[in-house]
Structures are given as C-alpha cells and as structure tokens.
Amino acid sequence: LDNDVNGNPRYYVPVYMFSRNDGTFYR
C-alpha cells in the first residue's frame, strides 16, 4: 500500500490468511 503519513511502509493481507483450523478468522 502507499506509505503512511510518516513514510513507513504498509502492507495489506487478506483476512482469510489468518484462519484457525476450525475455519474461524482471528486478528
């Protein structure tokens, strides 16, 4: 993604990449 206001790099990751074995998602 575009850098934040301080110039730090940002990355987007889809929510489904962080899922438990039972199919629920977590933050």
mmCIF file of all heavy atoms, coordinates in Angstrom:
data_MODEL
# 
_entry.id   MODEL 
# 
loop_
_atom_site.group_PDB 
_atom_site.id 
_atom_site.type_symbol 
_atom_site.label_atom_id 
_atom_site.label_alt_id 
_atom_site.label_comp_id 
_atom_site.label_asym_id 
_atom_site.label_entity_id 
_atom_site.label_seq_id 
_atom_site.pdbx_PDB_ins_code 
_atom_site.Cartn_x 
_atom_site.Cartn_y 
_atom_site.Cartn_z 
_atom_site.occupancy 
_atom_site.B_iso_or_equiv 
_atom_site.pdbx_formal_charge 
_atom_site.auth_seq_id 
_atom_site.auth_comp_id 
_atom_site.auth_asym_id 
_atom_site.auth_atom_id 
_atom_site.pdbx_PDB_model_num 
ATOM 1   N N   . LEU A 1 1  ? 0.848   -1.193  0.000  1.00 0.00 ? 1  LEU A N   1 
ATOM 2   C CA  . LEU A 1 1  ? 0.000   0.000   0.000  1.00 0.00 ? 1  LEU A CA  1 
ATOM 3   C C   . LEU A 1 1  ? 0.882   1.241   0.000  1.00 0.00 ? 1  LEU A C   1 
ATOM 4   O O   . LEU A 1 1  ? 2.101   1.147   0.150  1.00 0.00 ? 1  LEU A O   1 
ATOM 5   C CB  . LEU A 1 1  ? -0.902  0.012   1.236  1.00 0.00 ? 1  LEU A CB  1 
ATOM 6   C CG  . LEU A 1 1  ? -1.857  -1.159  1.409  1.00 0.00 ? 1  LEU A CG  1 
ATOM 7   C CD1 . LEU A 1 1  ? -2.545  -1.067  2.759  1.00 0.00 ? 1  LEU A CD1 1 
ATOM 8   C CD2 . LEU A 1 1  ? -2.867  -1.192  0.288  1.00 0.00 ? 1  LEU A CD2 1 
ATOM 9   N N   . ASP A 1 2  ? 0.262   2.396   -0.118 1.00 0.00 ? 2  ASP A N   1 
ATOM 10  C CA  . ASP A 1 2  ? 1.005   3.650   -0.001 1.00 0.00 ? 2  ASP A CA  1 
ATOM 11  C C   . ASP A 1 2  ? 1.562   3.785   1.405  1.00 0.00 ? 2  ASP A C   1 
ATOM 12  O O   . ASP A 1 2  ? 0.993   3.262   2.370  1.00 0.00 ? 2  ASP A O   1 
ATOM 13  C CB  . ASP A 1 2  ? 0.097   4.849   -0.290 1.00 0.00 ? 2  ASP A CB  1 
ATOM 14  C CG  . ASP A 1 2  ? -0.335  4.916   -1.742 1.00 0.00 ? 2  ASP A CG  1 
ATOM 15  O OD1 . ASP A 1 2  ? 0.373   4.346   -2.596 1.00 0.00 ? 2  ASP A OD1 1 
ATOM 16  O OD2 . ASP A 1 2  ? -1.378  5.527   -2.016 1.00 0.00 ? 2  ASP A OD2 1 
ATOM 17  N N   . ASN A 1 3  ? 2.660   4.500   1.533  1.00 0.00 ? 3  ASN A N   1 
ATOM 18  C CA  . ASN A 1 3  ? 3.244   4.743   2.853  1.00 0.00 ? 3  ASN A CA  1 
ATOM 19  C C   . ASN A 1 3  ? 2.276   5.543   3.718  1.00 0.00 ? 3  ASN A C   1 
ATOM 20  O O   . ASN A 1 3  ? 1.427   6.274   3.212  1.00 0.00 ? 3  ASN A O   1 
ATOM 21  C CB  . ASN A 1 3  ? 4.549   5.513   2.728  1.00 0.00 ? 3  ASN A CB  1 
ATOM 22  C CG  . ASN A 1 3  ? 5.646   4.691   2.092  1.00 0.00 ? 3  ASN A CG  1 
ATOM 23  O OD1 . ASN A 1 3  ? 5.480   3.505   1.828  1.00 0.00 ? 3  ASN A OD1 1 
ATOM 24  N ND2 . ASN A 1 3  ? 6.763   5.324   1.842  1.00 0.00 ? 3  ASN A ND2 1 
ATOM 25  N N   . ASP A 1 4  ? 2.443   5.431   5.048  1.00 0.00 ? 4  ASP A N   1 
ATOM 26  C CA  . ASP A 1 4  ? 1.621   6.249   5.937  1.00 0.00 ? 4  ASP A CA  1 
ATOM 27  C C   . ASP A 1 4  ? 2.165   7.682   5.942  1.00 0.00 ? 4  ASP A C   1 
ATOM 28  O O   . ASP A 1 4  ? 3.109   7.995   5.226  1.00 0.00 ? 4  ASP A O   1 
ATOM 29  C CB  . ASP A 1 4  ? 1.557   5.640   7.343  1.00 0.00 ? 4  ASP A CB  1 
ATOM 30  C CG  . ASP A 1 4  ? 2.891   5.661   8.081  1.00 0.00 ? 4  ASP A CG  1 
ATOM 31  O OD1 . ASP A 1 4  ? 3.881   6.190   7.537  1.00 0.00 ? 4  ASP A OD1 1 
ATOM 32  O OD2 . ASP A 1 4  ? 2.941   5.145   9.199  1.00 0.00 ? 4  ASP A OD2 1 
ATOM 33  N N   . VAL A 1 5  ? 1.566   8.553   6.739  1.00 0.00 ? 5  VAL A N   1 
ATOM 34  C CA  . VAL A 1 5  ? 1.949   9.970   6.733  1.00 0.00 ? 5  VAL A CA  1 
ATOM 35  C C   . VAL A 1 5  ? 3.386   10.194  7.195  1.00 0.00 ? 5  VAL A C   1 
ATOM 36  O O   . VAL A 1 5  ? 3.988   11.215  6.879  1.00 0.00 ? 5  VAL A O   1 
ATOM 37  C CB  . VAL A 1 5  ? 0.988   10.823  7.594  1.00 0.00 ? 5  VAL A CB  1 
ATOM 38  C CG1 . VAL A 1 5  ? -0.393  10.820  6.998  1.00 0.00 ? 5  VAL A CG1 1 
ATOM 39  C CG2 . VAL A 1 5  ? 0.960   10.355  9.024  1.00 0.00 ? 5  VAL A CG2 1 
ATOM 40  N N   . ASN A 1 6  ? 3.955   9.235   7.929  1.00 0.00 ? 6  ASN A N   1 
ATOM 41  C CA  . ASN A 1 6  ? 5.334   9.361   8.396  1.00 0.00 ? 6  ASN A CA  1 
ATOM 42  C C   . ASN A 1 6  ? 6.337   8.682   7.469  1.00 0.00 ? 6  ASN A C   1 
ATOM 43  O O   . ASN A 1 6  ? 7.527   8.646   7.769  1.00 0.00 ? 6  ASN A O   1 
ATOM 44  C CB  . ASN A 1 6  ? 5.466   8.770   9.799  1.00 0.00 ? 6  ASN A CB  1 
ATOM 45  C CG  . ASN A 1 6  ? 4.635   9.531   10.795 1.00 0.00 ? 6  ASN A CG  1 
ATOM 46  O OD1 . ASN A 1 6  ? 4.608   10.752  10.772 1.00 0.00 ? 6  ASN A OD1 1 
ATOM 47  N ND2 . ASN A 1 6  ? 3.937   8.822   11.659 1.00 0.00 ? 6  ASN A ND2 1 
ATOM 48  N N   . GLY A 1 7  ? 5.857   8.088   6.381  1.00 0.00 ? 7  GLY A N   1 
ATOM 49  C CA  . GLY A 1 7  ? 6.754   7.460   5.419  1.00 0.00 ? 7  GLY A CA  1 
ATOM 50  C C   . GLY A 1 7  ? 7.028   5.994   5.666  1.00 0.00 ? 7  GLY A C   1 
ATOM 51  O O   . GLY A 1 7  ? 7.885   5.407   5.009  1.00 0.00 ? 7  GLY A O   1 
ATOM 52  N N   . ASN A 1 8  ? 6.336   5.388   6.609  1.00 0.00 ? 8  ASN A N   1 
ATOM 53  C CA  . ASN A 1 8  ? 6.553   3.980   6.911  1.00 0.00 ? 8  ASN A CA  1 
ATOM 54  C C   . ASN A 1 8  ? 5.805   3.088   5.910  1.00 0.00 ? 8  ASN A C   1 
ATOM 55  O O   . ASN A 1 8  ? 4.683   3.383   5.532  1.00 0.00 ? 8  ASN A O   1 
ATOM 56  C CB  . ASN A 1 8  ? 6.064   3.656   8.326  1.00 0.00 ? 8  ASN A CB  1 
ATOM 57  C CG  . ASN A 1 8  ? 6.812   4.443   9.365  1.00 0.00 ? 8  ASN A CG  1 
ATOM 58  O OD1 . ASN A 1 8  ? 8.027   4.561   9.310  1.00 0.00 ? 8  ASN A OD1 1 
ATOM 59  N ND2 . ASN A 1 8  ? 6.090   5.008   10.307 1.00 0.00 ? 8  ASN A ND2 1 
ATOM 60  N N   . PRO A 1 9  ? 6.418   1.982   5.483  1.00 0.00 ? 9  PRO A N   1 
ATOM 61  C CA  . PRO A 1 9  ? 5.763   1.099   4.518  1.00 0.00 ? 9  PRO A CA  1 
ATOM 62  C C   . PRO A 1 9  ? 4.592   0.349   5.148  1.00 0.00 ? 9  PRO A C   1 
ATOM 63  O O   . PRO A 1 9  ? 4.631   -0.021  6.316  1.00 0.00 ? 9  PRO A O   1 
ATOM 64  C CB  . PRO A 1 9  ? 6.880   0.135   4.105  1.00 0.00 ? 9  PRO A CB  1 
ATOM 65  C CG  . PRO A 1 9  ? 7.856   0.177   5.205  1.00 0.00 ? 9  PRO A CG  1 
ATOM 66  C CD  . PRO A 1 9  ? 7.756   1.530   5.823  1.00 0.00 ? 9  PRO A CD  1 
ATOM 67  N N   . ARG A 1 10 ? 3.534   0.132   4.334  1.00 0.00 ? 10 ARG A N   1 
ATOM 68  C CA  . ARG A 1 10 ? 2.346   -0.587  4.795  1.00 0.00 ? 10 ARG A CA  1 
ATOM 69  C C   . ARG A 1 10 ? 2.011   -1.691  3.802  1.00 0.00 ? 10 ARG A C   1 
ATOM 70  O O   . ARG A 1 10 ? 2.228   -1.551  2.603  1.00 0.00 ? 10 ARG A O   1 
ATOM 71  C CB  . ARG A 1 10 ? 1.158   0.353   4.917  1.00 0.00 ? 10 ARG A CB  1 
ATOM 72  C CG  . ARG A 1 10 ? 1.353   1.455   5.908  1.00 0.00 ? 10 ARG A CG  1 
ATOM 73  C CD  . ARG A 1 10 ? 0.146   2.357   6.078  1.00 0.00 ? 10 ARG A CD  1 
ATOM 74  N NE  . ARG A 1 10 ? -0.508  2.649   4.824  1.00 0.00 ? 10 ARG A NE  1 
ATOM 75  C CZ  . ARG A 1 10 ? -1.831  2.703   4.656  1.00 0.00 ? 10 ARG A CZ  1 
ATOM 76  N NH1 . ARG A 1 10 ? -2.627  2.496   5.667  1.00 0.00 ? 10 ARG A NH1 1 
ATOM 77  N NH2 . ARG A 1 10 ? -2.358  2.994   3.478  1.00 0.00 ? 10 ARG A NH2 1 
ATOM 78  N N   . TYR A 1 11 ? 1.454   -2.786  4.324  1.00 0.00 ? 11 TYR A N   1 
ATOM 79  C CA  . TYR A 1 11 ? 1.101   -3.937  3.502  1.00 0.00 ? 11 TYR A CA  1 
ATOM 80  C C   . TYR A 1 11 ? -0.287  -4.431  3.862  1.00 0.00 ? 11 TYR A C   1 
ATOM 81  O O   . TYR A 1 11 ? -0.652  -4.492  5.038  1.00 0.00 ? 11 TYR A O   1 
ATOM 82  C CB  . TYR A 1 11 ? 2.105   -5.078  3.724  1.00 0.00 ? 11 TYR A CB  1 
ATOM 83  C CG  . TYR A 1 11 ? 3.502   -4.725  3.319  1.00 0.00 ? 11 TYR A CG  1 
ATOM 84  C CD1 . TYR A 1 11 ? 4.384   -4.161  4.228  1.00 0.00 ? 11 TYR A CD1 1 
ATOM 85  C CD2 . TYR A 1 11 ? 3.944   -4.949  2.026  1.00 0.00 ? 11 TYR A CD2 1 
ATOM 86  C CE1 . TYR A 1 11 ? 5.665   -3.824  3.857  1.00 0.00 ? 11 TYR A CE1 1 
ATOM 87  C CE2 . TYR A 1 11 ? 5.226   -4.614  1.644  1.00 0.00 ? 11 TYR A CE2 1 
ATOM 88  C CZ  . TYR A 1 11 ? 6.087   -4.064  2.562  1.00 0.00 ? 11 TYR A CZ  1 
ATOM 89  O OH  . TYR A 1 11 ? 7.352   -3.722  2.194  1.00 0.00 ? 11 TYR A OH  1 
ATOM 90  N N   . TYR A 1 12 ? -1.054  -4.819  2.849  1.00 0.00 ? 12 TYR A N   1 
ATOM 91  C CA  . TYR A 1 12 ? -2.394  -5.382  3.027  1.00 0.00 ? 12 TYR A CA  1 
ATOM 92  C C   . TYR A 1 12 ? -2.304  -6.905  2.937  1.00 0.00 ? 12 TYR A C   1 
ATOM 93  O O   . TYR A 1 12 ? -1.675  -7.455  2.030  1.00 0.00 ? 12 TYR A O   1 
ATOM 94  C CB  . TYR A 1 12 ? -3.332  -4.864  1.938  1.00 0.00 ? 12 TYR A CB  1 
ATOM 95  C CG  . TYR A 1 12 ? -4.606  -5.652  1.802  1.00 0.00 ? 12 TYR A CG  1 
ATOM 96  C CD1 . TYR A 1 12 ? -5.668  -5.418  2.652  1.00 0.00 ? 12 TYR A CD1 1 
ATOM 97  C CD2 . TYR A 1 12 ? -4.742  -6.630  0.830  1.00 0.00 ? 12 TYR A CD2 1 
ATOM 98  C CE1 . TYR A 1 12 ? -6.837  -6.151  2.538  1.00 0.00 ? 12 TYR A CE1 1 
ATOM 99  C CE2 . TYR A 1 12 ? -5.907  -7.363  0.708  1.00 0.00 ? 12 TYR A CE2 1 
ATOM 100 C CZ  . TYR A 1 12 ? -6.945  -7.118  1.565  1.00 0.00 ? 12 TYR A CZ  1 
ATOM 101 O OH  . TYR A 1 12 ? -8.092  -7.845  1.456  1.00 0.00 ? 12 TYR A OH  1 
ATOM 102 N N   . VAL A 1 13 ? -2.956  -7.570  3.903  1.00 0.00 ? 13 VAL A N   1 
ATOM 103 C CA  . VAL A 1 13 ? -3.041  -9.027  3.910  1.00 0.00 ? 13 VAL A CA  1 
ATOM 104 C C   . VAL A 1 13 ? -4.512  -9.398  4.035  1.00 0.00 ? 13 VAL A C   1 
ATOM 105 O O   . VAL A 1 13 ? -5.191  -8.922  4.956  1.00 0.00 ? 13 VAL A O   1 
ATOM 106 C CB  . VAL A 1 13 ? -2.234  -9.627  5.085  1.00 0.00 ? 13 VAL A CB  1 
ATOM 107 C CG1 . VAL A 1 13 ? -2.376  -11.131 5.133  1.00 0.00 ? 13 VAL A CG1 1 
ATOM 108 C CG2 . VAL A 1 13 ? -0.778  -9.238  4.986  1.00 0.00 ? 13 VAL A CG2 1 
ATOM 109 N N   . PRO A 1 14 ? -5.046  -10.251 3.143  1.00 0.00 ? 14 PRO A N   1 
ATOM 110 C CA  . PRO A 1 14 ? -6.459  -10.640 3.232  1.00 0.00 ? 14 PRO A CA  1 
ATOM 111 C C   . PRO A 1 14 ? -6.772  -11.364 4.541  1.00 0.00 ? 14 PRO A C   1 
ATOM 112 O O   . PRO A 1 14 ? -5.917  -12.050 5.100  1.00 0.00 ? 14 PRO A O   1 
ATOM 113 C CB  . PRO A 1 14 ? -6.651  -11.581 2.041  1.00 0.00 ? 14 PRO A CB  1 
ATOM 114 C CG  . PRO A 1 14 ? -5.526  -11.305 1.128  1.00 0.00 ? 14 PRO A CG  1 
ATOM 115 C CD  . PRO A 1 14 ? -4.391  -10.821 1.970  1.00 0.00 ? 14 PRO A CD  1 
ATOM 116 N N   . VAL A 1 15 ? -7.986  -11.214 4.997  1.00 0.00 ? 15 VAL A N   1 
ATOM 117 C CA  . VAL A 1 15 ? -8.395  -11.768 6.288  1.00 0.00 ? 15 VAL A CA  1 
ATOM 118 C C   . VAL A 1 15 ? -8.318  -13.295 6.305  1.00 0.00 ? 15 VAL A C   1 
ATOM 119 O O   . VAL A 1 15 ? -8.007  -13.896 7.331  1.00 0.00 ? 15 VAL A O   1 
ATOM 120 C CB  . VAL A 1 15 ? -9.805  -11.260 6.672  1.00 0.00 ? 15 VAL A CB  1 
ATOM 121 C CG1 . VAL A 1 15 ? -10.865 -11.889 5.810  1.00 0.00 ? 15 VAL A CG1 1 
ATOM 122 C CG2 . VAL A 1 15 ? -10.100 -11.498 8.125  1.00 0.00 ? 15 VAL A CG2 1 
ATOM 123 N N   . TYR A 1 16 ? -8.563  -13.953 5.184  1.00 0.00 ? 16 TYR A N   1 
ATOM 124 C CA  . TYR A 1 16 ? -8.595  -15.422 5.175  1.00 0.00 ? 16 TYR A CA  1 
ATOM 125 C C   . TYR A 1 16 ? -7.224  -16.061 5.396  1.00 0.00 ? 16 TYR A C   1 
ATOM 126 O O   . TYR A 1 16 ? -7.130  -17.248 5.672  1.00 0.00 ? 16 TYR A O   1 
ATOM 127 C CB  . TYR A 1 16 ? -9.208  -15.944 3.880  1.00 0.00 ? 16 TYR A CB  1 
ATOM 128 C CG  . TYR A 1 16 ? -8.402  -15.664 2.635  1.00 0.00 ? 16 TYR A CG  1 
ATOM 129 C CD1 . TYR A 1 16 ? -7.355  -16.504 2.256  1.00 0.00 ? 16 TYR A CD1 1 
ATOM 130 C CD2 . TYR A 1 16 ? -8.681  -14.571 1.831  1.00 0.00 ? 16 TYR A CD2 1 
ATOM 131 C CE1 . TYR A 1 16 ? -6.612  -16.252 1.123  1.00 0.00 ? 16 TYR A CE1 1 
ATOM 132 C CE2 . TYR A 1 16 ? -7.955  -14.310 0.689  1.00 0.00 ? 16 TYR A CE2 1 
ATOM 133 C CZ  . TYR A 1 16 ? -6.914  -15.162 0.339  1.00 0.00 ? 16 TYR A CZ  1 
ATOM 134 O OH  . TYR A 1 16 ? -6.188  -14.898 -0.783 1.00 0.00 ? 16 TYR A OH  1 
ATOM 135 N N   . MET A 1 17 ? -6.164  -15.285 5.309  1.00 0.00 ? 17 MET A N   1 
ATOM 136 C CA  . MET A 1 17 ? -4.828  -15.838 5.540  1.00 0.00 ? 17 MET A CA  1 
ATOM 137 C C   . MET A 1 17 ? -4.567  -16.114 7.015  1.00 0.00 ? 17 MET A C   1 
ATOM 138 O O   . MET A 1 17 ? -3.661  -16.862 7.346  1.00 0.00 ? 17 MET A O   1 
ATOM 139 C CB  . MET A 1 17 ? -3.772  -14.903 4.985  1.00 0.00 ? 17 MET A CB  1 
ATOM 140 C CG  . MET A 1 17 ? -3.885  -14.702 3.515  1.00 0.00 ? 17 MET A CG  1 
ATOM 141 S SD  . MET A 1 17 ? -2.316  -14.790 2.757  1.00 0.00 ? 17 MET A SD  1 
ATOM 142 C CE  . MET A 1 17 ? -2.768  -14.540 1.060  1.00 0.00 ? 17 MET A CE  1 
ATOM 143 N N   . PHE A 1 18 ? -5.352  -15.511 7.875  1.00 0.00 ? 18 PHE A N   1 
ATOM 144 C CA  . PHE A 1 18 ? -5.221  -15.749 9.308  1.00 0.00 ? 18 PHE A CA  1 
ATOM 145 C C   . PHE A 1 18 ? -6.476  -16.459 9.799  1.00 0.00 ? 18 PHE A C   1 
ATOM 146 O O   . PHE A 1 18 ? -7.375  -15.852 10.369 1.00 0.00 ? 18 PHE A O   1 
ATOM 147 C CB  . PHE A 1 18 ? -5.015  -14.433 10.064 1.00 0.00 ? 18 PHE A CB  1 
ATOM 148 C CG  . PHE A 1 18 ? -3.673  -13.825 9.803  1.00 0.00 ? 18 PHE A CG  1 
ATOM 149 C CD1 . PHE A 1 18 ? -3.513  -12.847 8.834  1.00 0.00 ? 18 PHE A CD1 1 
ATOM 150 C CD2 . PHE A 1 18 ? -2.559  -14.239 10.506 1.00 0.00 ? 18 PHE A CD2 1 
ATOM 151 C CE1 . PHE A 1 18 ? -2.280  -12.286 8.577  1.00 0.00 ? 18 PHE A CE1 1 
ATOM 152 C CE2 . PHE A 1 18 ? -1.312  -13.683 10.260 1.00 0.00 ? 18 PHE A CE2 1 
ATOM 153 C CZ  . PHE A 1 18 ? -1.178  -12.711 9.294  1.00 0.00 ? 18 PHE A CZ  1 
ATOM 154 N N   . SER A 1 19 ? -6.550  -17.757 9.540  1.00 0.00 ? 19 SER A N   1 
ATOM 155 C CA  . SER A 1 19 ? -7.708  -18.541 9.969  1.00 0.00 ? 19 SER A CA  1 
ATOM 156 C C   . SER A 1 19 ? -7.233  -19.729 10.797 1.00 0.00 ? 19 SER A C   1 
ATOM 157 O O   . SER A 1 19 ? -6.131  -20.250 10.615 1.00 0.00 ? 19 SER A O   1 
ATOM 158 C CB  . SER A 1 19 ? -8.519  -19.018 8.761  1.00 0.00 ? 19 SER A CB  1 
ATOM 159 O OG  . SER A 1 19 ? -7.741  -19.863 7.954  1.00 0.00 ? 19 SER A OG  1 
ATOM 160 N N   . ARG A 1 20 ? -8.081  -20.140 11.705 1.00 0.00 ? 20 ARG A N   1 
ATOM 161 C CA  . ARG A 1 20 ? -7.793  -21.297 12.547 1.00 0.00 ? 20 ARG A CA  1 
ATOM 162 C C   . ARG A 1 20 ? -8.210  -22.571 11.806 1.00 0.00 ? 20 ARG A C   1 
ATOM 163 O O   . ARG A 1 20 ? -8.819  -22.525 10.748 1.00 0.00 ? 20 ARG A O   1 
ATOM 164 C CB  . ARG A 1 20 ? -8.545  -21.174 13.866 1.00 0.00 ? 20 ARG A CB  1 
ATOM 165 C CG  . ARG A 1 20 ? -8.080  -20.005 14.692 1.00 0.00 ? 20 ARG A CG  1 
ATOM 166 C CD  . ARG A 1 20 ? -8.737  -20.009 16.064 1.00 0.00 ? 20 ARG A CD  1 
ATOM 167 N NE  . ARG A 1 20 ? -8.205  -18.923 16.865 1.00 0.00 ? 20 ARG A NE  1 
ATOM 168 C CZ  . ARG A 1 20 ? -8.788  -17.751 17.013 1.00 0.00 ? 20 ARG A CZ  1 
ATOM 169 N NH1 . ARG A 1 20 ? -9.931  -17.504 16.426 1.00 0.00 ? 20 ARG A NH1 1 
ATOM 170 N NH2 . ARG A 1 20 ? -8.237  -16.818 17.754 1.00 0.00 ? 20 ARG A NH2 1 
ATOM 171 N N   . ASN A 1 21 ? -7.907  -23.709 12.401 1.00 0.00 ? 21 ASN A N   1 
ATOM 172 C CA  . ASN A 1 21 ? -8.253  -24.993 11.783 1.00 0.00 ? 21 ASN A CA  1 
ATOM 173 C C   . ASN A 1 21 ? -9.755  -25.204 11.663 1.00 0.00 ? 21 ASN A C   1 
ATOM 174 O O   . ASN A 1 21 ? -10.210 -25.924 10.787 1.00 0.00 ? 21 ASN A O   1 
ATOM 175 C CB  . ASN A 1 21 ? -7.628  -26.143 12.566 1.00 0.00 ? 21 ASN A CB  1 
ATOM 176 C CG  . ASN A 1 21 ? -6.111  -26.135 12.460 1.00 0.00 ? 21 ASN A CG  1 
ATOM 177 O OD1 . ASN A 1 21 ? -5.560  -25.616 11.503 1.00 0.00 ? 21 ASN A OD1 1 
ATOM 178 N ND2 . ASN A 1 21 ? -5.443  -26.690 13.442 1.00 0.00 ? 21 ASN A ND2 1 
ATOM 179 N N   . ASP A 1 22 ? -10.542 -24.602 12.557 1.00 0.00 ? 22 ASP A N   1 
ATOM 180 C CA  . ASP A 1 22 ? -11.995 -24.770 12.507 1.00 0.00 ? 22 ASP A CA  1 
ATOM 181 C C   . ASP A 1 22 ? -12.668 -23.798 11.533 1.00 0.00 ? 22 ASP A C   1 
ATOM 182 O O   . ASP A 1 22 ? -13.889 -23.775 11.422 1.00 0.00 ? 22 ASP A O   1 
ATOM 183 C CB  . ASP A 1 22 ? -12.611 -24.643 13.901 1.00 0.00 ? 22 ASP A CB  1 
ATOM 184 C CG  . ASP A 1 22 ? -12.382 -23.269 14.518 1.00 0.00 ? 22 ASP A CG  1 
ATOM 185 O OD1 . ASP A 1 22 ? -11.679 -22.440 13.914 1.00 0.00 ? 22 ASP A OD1 1 
ATOM 186 O OD2 . ASP A 1 22 ? -12.911 -23.029 15.615 1.00 0.00 ? 22 ASP A OD2 1 
ATOM 187 N N   . GLY A 1 23 ? -11.886 -22.996 10.823 1.00 0.00 ? 23 GLY A N   1 
ATOM 188 C CA  . GLY A 1 23 ? -12.430 -22.097 9.805  1.00 0.00 ? 23 GLY A CA  1 
ATOM 189 C C   . GLY A 1 23 ? -12.734 -20.689 10.278 1.00 0.00 ? 23 GLY A C   1 
ATOM 190 O O   . GLY A 1 23 ? -13.154 -19.860 9.488  1.00 0.00 ? 23 GLY A O   1 
ATOM 191 N N   . THR A 1 24 ? -12.526 -20.389 11.548 1.00 0.00 ? 24 THR A N   1 
ATOM 192 C CA  . THR A 1 24 ? -12.773 -19.033 12.039 1.00 0.00 ? 24 THR A CA  1 
ATOM 193 C C   . THR A 1 24 ? -11.532 -18.171 11.817 1.00 0.00 ? 24 THR A C   1 
ATOM 194 O O   . THR A 1 24 ? -10.415 -18.662 11.772 1.00 0.00 ? 24 THR A O   1 
ATOM 195 C CB  . THR A 1 24 ? -13.123 -19.043 13.538 1.00 0.00 ? 24 THR A CB  1 
ATOM 196 O OG1 . THR A 1 24 ? -12.038 -19.627 14.262 1.00 0.00 ? 24 THR A OG1 1 
ATOM 197 C CG2 . THR A 1 24 ? -14.394 -19.827 13.794 1.00 0.00 ? 24 THR A CG2 1 
ATOM 198 N N   . PHE A 1 25 ? -11.759 -16.874 11.659 1.00 0.00 ? 25 PHE A N   1 
ATOM 199 C CA  . PHE A 1 25 ? -10.675 -15.929 11.428 1.00 0.00 ? 25 PHE A CA  1 
ATOM 200 C C   . PHE A 1 25 ? -10.286 -15.269 12.742 1.00 0.00 ? 25 PHE A C   1 
ATOM 201 O O   . PHE A 1 25 ? -11.095 -15.145 13.647 1.00 0.00 ? 25 PHE A O   1 
ATOM 202 C CB  . PHE A 1 25 ? -11.096 -14.859 10.427 1.00 0.00 ? 25 PHE A CB  1 
ATOM 203 C CG  . PHE A 1 25 ? -11.571 -15.432 9.118  1.00 0.00 ? 25 PHE A CG  1 
ATOM 204 C CD1 . PHE A 1 25 ? -12.870 -15.252 8.696  1.00 0.00 ? 25 PHE A CD1 1 
ATOM 205 C CD2 . PHE A 1 25 ? -10.715 -16.159 8.322  1.00 0.00 ? 25 PHE A CD2 1 
ATOM 206 C CE1 . PHE A 1 25 ? -13.309 -15.772 7.509  1.00 0.00 ? 25 PHE A CE1 1 
ATOM 207 C CE2 . PHE A 1 25 ? -11.140 -16.691 7.121  1.00 0.00 ? 25 PHE A CE2 1 
ATOM 208 C CZ  . PHE A 1 25 ? -12.442 -16.496 6.714  1.00 0.00 ? 25 PHE A CZ  1 
ATOM 209 N N   . TYR A 1 26 ? -9.037  -14.829 12.830 1.00 0.00 ? 26 TYR A N   1 
ATOM 210 C CA  . TYR A 1 26 ? -8.590  -14.114 14.022 1.00 0.00 ? 26 TYR A CA  1 
ATOM 211 C C   . TYR A 1 26 ? -7.777  -12.897 13.616 1.00 0.00 ? 26 TYR A C   1 
ATOM 212 O O   . TYR A 1 26 ? -7.234  -12.834 12.515 1.00 0.00 ? 26 TYR A O   1 
ATOM 213 C CB  . TYR A 1 26 ? -7.783  -15.020 14.952 1.00 0.00 ? 26 TYR A CB  1 
ATOM 214 C CG  . TYR A 1 26 ? -6.466  -15.505 14.383 1.00 0.00 ? 26 TYR A CG  1 
ATOM 215 C CD1 . TYR A 1 26 ? -5.286  -14.820 14.653 1.00 0.00 ? 26 TYR A CD1 1 
ATOM 216 C CD2 . TYR A 1 26 ? -6.393  -16.644 13.594 1.00 0.00 ? 26 TYR A CD2 1 
ATOM 217 C CE1 . TYR A 1 26 ? -4.075  -15.260 14.149 1.00 0.00 ? 26 TYR A CE1 1 
ATOM 218 C CE2 . TYR A 1 26 ? -5.186  -17.089 13.088 1.00 0.00 ? 26 TYR A CE2 1 
ATOM 219 C CZ  . TYR A 1 26 ? -4.031  -16.398 13.372 1.00 0.00 ? 26 TYR A CZ  1 
ATOM 220 O OH  . TYR A 1 26 ? -2.844  -16.825 12.870 1.00 0.00 ? 26 TYR A OH  1 
ATOM 221 N N   . ARG A 1 27 ? -7.728  -11.920 14.516 1.00 0.00 ? 27 ARG A N   1 
ATOM 222 C CA  . ARG A 1 27 ? -6.961  -10.702 14.286 1.00 0.00 ? 27 ARG A CA  1 
ATOM 223 C C   . ARG A 1 27 ? -5.541  -10.919 14.792 1.00 0.00 ? 27 ARG A C   1 
ATOM 224 O O   . ARG A 1 27 ? -5.319  -11.126 15.984 1.00 0.00 ? 27 ARG A O   1 
ATOM 225 C CB  . ARG A 1 27 ? -7.591  -9.527  15.016 1.00 0.00 ? 27 ARG A CB  1 
ATOM 226 C CG  . ARG A 1 27 ? -6.838  -8.232  14.802 1.00 0.00 ? 27 ARG A CG  1 
ATOM 227 C CD  . ARG A 1 27 ? -7.471  -7.118  15.635 1.00 0.00 ? 27 ARG A CD  1 
ATOM 228 N NE  . ARG A 1 27 ? -6.815  -5.861  15.405 1.00 0.00 ? 27 ARG A NE  1 
ATOM 229 C CZ  . ARG A 1 27 ? -5.751  -5.440  16.091 1.00 0.00 ? 27 ARG A CZ  1 
ATOM 230 N NH1 . ARG A 1 27 ? -5.248  -6.181  17.034 1.00 0.00 ? 27 ARG A NH1 1 
ATOM 231 N NH2 . ARG A 1 27 ? -5.206  -4.282  15.820 1.00 0.00 ? 27 ARG A NH2 1 
# 
